[in-house]
Structures are given as structure tokens and as C-alpha cells.
PDB file of N, CA and C in Angstrom:
ATOM      1  N   MET A   1       2.771  -9.583  31.236  1.00  0.00           N
ATOM      2  CA  MET A   1       1.784  -9.402  30.273  1.00  0.00           C
ATOM      3  C   MET A   1       1.674  -8.104  29.812  1.00  0.00           C
ATOM      4  N   MET A   2       2.025  -7.346  30.289  1.00  0.00           N
ATOM      5  CA  MET A   2       2.135  -5.705  29.605  1.00  0.00           C
ATOM      6  C   MET A   2       2.900  -5.944  28.412  1.00  0.00           C
ATOM      7  N   ARG A   3       3.983  -6.418  28.561  1.00  0.00           N
ATOM      8  CA  ARG A   3       4.947  -6.584  27.367  1.00  0.00           C
ATOM      9  C   ARG A   3       4.411  -7.391  26.314  1.00  0.00           C
ATOM     10  N   ARG A   4       3.836  -8.149  26.540  1.00  0.00           N
ATOM     11  CA  ARG A   4       3.006  -8.986  25.359  1.00  0.00           C
ATOM     12  C   ARG A   4       2.080  -8.173  24.950  1.00  0.00           C
ATOM     13  N   PHE A   5       1.463  -7.181  25.459  1.00  0.00           N
ATOM     14  CA  PHE A   5      -0.071  -6.280  24.624  1.00  0.00           C
ATOM     15  C   PHE A   5       0.864  -5.235  24.156  1.00  0.00           C
ATOM     16  N   LEU A   6       2.146  -4.734  24.491  1.00  0.00           N
ATOM     17  CA  LEU A   6       2.664  -3.819  23.472  1.00  0.00           C
ATOM     18  C   LEU A   6       3.347  -4.431  22.380  1.00  0.00           C
ATOM     19  N   ILE A   7       3.851  -5.597  22.356  1.00  0.00           N
ATOM     20  CA  ILE A   7       4.387  -6.316  21.255  1.00  0.00           C
ATOM     21  C   ILE A   7       3.418  -6.571  20.393  1.00  0.00           C
ATOM     22  N   LEU A   8       2.022  -7.118  20.579  1.00  0.00           N
ATOM     23  CA  LEU A   8       0.901  -7.276  19.868  1.00  0.00           C
ATOM     24  C   LEU A   8       0.378  -5.747  19.361  1.00  0.00           C
ATOM     25  N   ILE A   9       0.390  -4.852  19.854  1.00  0.00           N
ATOM     26  CA  ILE A   9      -0.199  -3.521  19.567  1.00  0.00           C
ATOM     27  C   ILE A   9       0.950  -2.949  18.250  1.00  0.00           C
ATOM     28  N   LEU A  10       2.368  -3.355  18.997  1.00  0.00           N
ATOM     29  CA  LEU A  10       3.217  -2.782  17.453  1.00  0.00           C
ATOM     30  C   LEU A  10       3.020  -3.723  16.258  1.00  0.00           C
ATOM     31  N   ILE A  11       2.993  -4.727  16.313  1.00  0.00           N
ATOM     32  CA  ILE A  11       2.858  -6.234  15.158  1.00  0.00           C
ATOM     33  C   ILE A  11       1.325  -5.417  14.508  1.00  0.00           C
ATOM     34  N   SER A  12       0.368  -5.118  15.252  1.00  0.00           N
ATOM     35  CA  SER A  12      -0.607  -4.933  14.366  1.00  0.00           C
ATOM     36  C   SER A  12      -0.818  -3.423  13.663  1.00  0.00           C
ATOM     37  N   LEU A  13       0.036  -2.439  14.493  1.00  0.00           N
ATOM     38  CA  LEU A  13       0.110  -1.202  13.745  1.00  0.00           C
ATOM     39  C   LEU A  13       0.942  -1.366  12.439  1.00  0.00           C
ATOM     40  N   LEU A  14       2.256  -2.177  12.567  1.00  0.00           N
ATOM     41  CA  LEU A  14       2.943  -2.467  11.561  1.00  0.00           C
ATOM     42  C   LEU A  14       2.168  -3.128  10.385  1.00  0.00           C
ATOM     43  N   PHE A  15       1.262  -4.044  10.665  1.00  0.00           N
ATOM     44  CA  PHE A  15       0.524  -4.866   9.598  1.00  0.00           C
ATOM     45  C   PHE A  15      -0.412  -3.798   8.876  1.00  0.00           C
ATOM     46  N   ILE A  16      -1.205  -2.876   9.671  1.00  0.00           N
ATOM     47  CA  ILE A  16      -2.109  -1.937   9.031  1.00  0.00           C
ATOM     48  C   ILE A  16      -1.324  -0.888   8.206  1.00  0.00           C
ATOM     49  N   SER A  17      -0.241  -0.371   8.780  1.00  0.00           N
ATOM     50  CA  SER A  17       0.331   0.325   7.938  1.00  0.00           C
ATOM     51  C   SER A  17       0.801  -0.336   6.372  1.00  0.00           C
ATOM     52  N   GLY A  18       1.493  -1.440   6.765  1.00  0.00           N
ATOM     53  CA  GLY A  18       1.911  -2.217   5.791  1.00  0.00           C
ATOM     54  C   GLY A  18       0.862  -2.563   4.452  1.00  0.00           C
ATOM     55  N   CYS A  19      -0.519  -2.518   5.056  1.00  0.00           N
ATOM     56  CA  CYS A  19      -1.697  -3.132   4.001  1.00  0.00           C
ATOM     57  C   CYS A  19      -1.810  -1.744   3.461  1.00  0.00           C
ATOM     58  N   GLU A  20      -1.579  -0.447   3.818  1.00  0.00           N
ATOM     59  CA  GLU A  20      -1.828   0.802   3.504  1.00  0.00           C
ATOM     60  C   GLU A  20      -0.842   1.093   2.260  1.00  0.00           C
ATOM     61  N   CYS A  21       0.559   0.841   2.755  1.00  0.00           N
ATOM     62  CA  CYS A  21       1.439   0.914   1.849  1.00  0.00           C
ATOM     63  C   CYS A  21       1.417   0.108   0.412  1.00  0.00           C
ATOM     64  N   VAL A  22       0.782  -1.060   0.794  1.00  0.00           N
ATOM     65  CA  VAL A  22       0.426  -2.076  -0.307  1.00  0.00           C
ATOM     66  C   VAL A  22      -0.588  -1.362  -1.269  1.00  0.00           C
ATOM     67  N   SER A  23      -1.844  -0.782  -0.590  1.00  0.00           N
ATOM     68  CA  SER A  23      -2.909  -0.225  -1.349  1.00  0.00           C
ATOM     69  C   SER A  23      -2.434   1.035  -2.105  1.00  0.00           C
ATOM     70  N   GLY A  24      -1.367   1.696  -1.455  1.00  0.00           N
ATOM     71  CA  GLY A  24      -1.026   3.011  -2.119  1.00  0.00           C
ATOM     72  C   GLY A  24      -0.207   2.647  -3.650  1.00  0.00           C
ATOM     73  N   PHE A  25       0.796   1.606  -3.336  1.00  0.00           N
ATOM     74  CA  PHE A  25       1.513   1.034  -4.236  1.00  0.00           C
ATOM     75  C   PHE A  25       0.642   0.703  -5.798  1.00  0.00           C
ATOM     76  N   GLY A  26      -0.700   0.185  -5.100  1.00  0.00           N
ATOM     77  CA  GLY A  26      -1.357  -0.318  -6.073  1.00  0.00           C
ATOM     78  C   GLY A  26      -2.240   0.705  -6.943  1.00  0.00           C
ATOM     79  N   ARG A  27      -2.360   1.776  -6.102  1.00  0.00           N
ATOM     80  CA  ARG A  27      -3.210   3.024  -7.283  1.00  0.00           C
ATOM     81  C   ARG A  27      -2.006   3.688  -7.810  1.00  0.00           C
ATOM     82  N   ASP A  28      -0.704   3.790  -7.292  1.00  0.00           N
ATOM     83  CA  ASP A  28       0.458   4.304  -8.025  1.00  0.00           C
ATOM     84  C   ASP A  28       0.687   3.328  -9.470  1.00  0.00           C
ATOM     85  N   LEU A  29       0.480   1.840  -9.532  1.00  0.00           N
ATOM     86  CA  LEU A  29       0.598   1.203 -10.646  1.00  0.00           C
ATOM     87  C   LEU A  29      -0.654   1.523 -11.491  1.00  0.00           C
ATOM     88  N   GLN A  30      -1.896   1.704 -10.895  1.00  0.00           N
ATOM     89  CA  GLN A  30      -3.035   1.944 -12.067  1.00  0.00           C
ATOM     90  C   GLN A  30      -2.957   3.482 -12.514  1.00  0.00           C
ATOM     91  N   LYS A  31      -2.265   4.295 -11.628  1.00  0.00           N
ATOM     92  CA  LYS A  31      -2.154   5.313 -12.604  1.00  0.00           C
ATOM     93  C   LYS A  31      -1.216   5.376 -13.585  1.00  0.00           C
ATOM     94  N   ALA A  32       0.345   4.815 -13.260  1.00  0.00           N
ATOM     95  CA  ALA A  32       1.038   4.240 -14.333  1.00  0.00           C
ATOM     96  C   ALA A  32       0.229   3.569 -15.579  1.00  0.00           C
ATOM     97  N   GLY A  33      -0.557   2.649 -15.599  1.00  0.00           N
ATOM     98  CA  GLY A  33      -1.118   1.961 -16.316  1.00  0.00           C
ATOM     99  C   GLY A  33      -1.926   2.778 -17.404  1.00  0.00           C
ATOM    100  N   SER A  34      -2.699   3.490 -16.540  1.00  0.00           N
ATOM    101  CA  SER A  34      -3.438   4.538 -17.283  1.00  0.00           C
ATOM    102  C   SER A  34      -2.829   5.902 -18.145  1.00  0.00           C
ATOM    103  N   TRP A  35      -1.637   6.106 -17.438  1.00  0.00           N
ATOM    104  CA  TRP A  35      -0.895   7.146 -18.421  1.00  0.00           C
ATOM    105  C   TRP A  35      -0.369   6.300 -19.720  1.00  0.00           C
ATOM    106  N   LEU A  36       0.102   5.181 -19.576  1.00  0.00           N
ATOM    107  CA  LEU A  36       0.755   4.585 -20.737  1.00  0.00           C
ATOM    108  C   LEU A  36      -0.495   4.394 -21.864  1.00  0.00           C
ATOM    109  N   GLU A  37      -1.539   4.022 -21.281  1.00  0.00           N
ATOM    110  CA  GLU A  37      -2.578   3.614 -22.168  1.00  0.00           C
ATOM    111  C   GLU A  37      -3.196   4.975 -22.481  1.00  0.00           C
ATOM    112  N   ARG A  38      -3.176   6.068 -22.146  1.00  0.00           N
ATOM    113  CA  ARG A  38      -3.342   7.295 -22.889  1.00  0.00           C
ATOM    114  C   ARG A  38      -2.316   7.786 -23.944  1.00  0.00           C
ATOM    115  N   ASN A  39      -0.952   7.628 -23.560  1.00  0.00           N
ATOM    116  CA  ASN A  39       0.184   7.751 -24.387  1.00  0.00           C
ATOM    117  C   ASN A  39       0.096   7.036 -25.655  1.00  0.00           C
ATOM    118  N   THR A  40       0.232   5.812 -25.318  1.00  0.00           N
ATOM    119  CA  THR A  40       0.202   4.862 -26.641  1.00  0.00           C
ATOM    120  C   THR A  40      -1.135   5.043 -27.388  1.00  0.00           C
ATOM    121  N   SER A  41      -2.513   5.405 -26.787  1.00  0.00           N
ATOM    122  CA  SER A  41      -3.587   5.432 -27.722  1.00  0.00           C
ATOM    123  C   SER A  41      -3.295   6.425 -28.557  1.00  0.00           C
ATOM    124  N   SER A  42      -2.728   7.905 -28.084  1.00  0.00           N
ATOM    125  CA  SER A  42      -2.952   8.960 -28.642  1.00  0.00           C
ATOM    126  C   SER A  42      -2.150   9.002 -29.931  1.00  0.00           C
ATOM    127  N   GLN A  43      -0.995   8.023 -30.218  1.00  0.00           N
ATOM    128  CA  GLN A  43      -0.223   8.020 -31.137  1.00  0.00           C
ATOM    129  C   GLN A  43      -0.688   7.466 -32.408  1.00  0.00           C
TER     130      GLN A  43
END
């Protein structure tokens, strides 16, 4: 019983951290896109 509980906690922690990584990656892509827009529009 305790082992299942620990495995469940580990899986949920990995899922939560994975979601955070994906949202962080999305923010980075958004920053890169806005940087490209600024540089191409200024020329």
C-alpha cells in the first residue's frame, strides 16, 4: 500500500514538473517570436 502511494506521488510530481517545463517552453517561443517581429518590422 505504501509503495503504491509513493509511486503515485512520484508520477504526479513528474507530471506537474513536466507541465511547468512545457509552459516555460511556450513562453520562450513567444519571446523569440516577438523578437523576430521587432527585428523584421524595424528594417
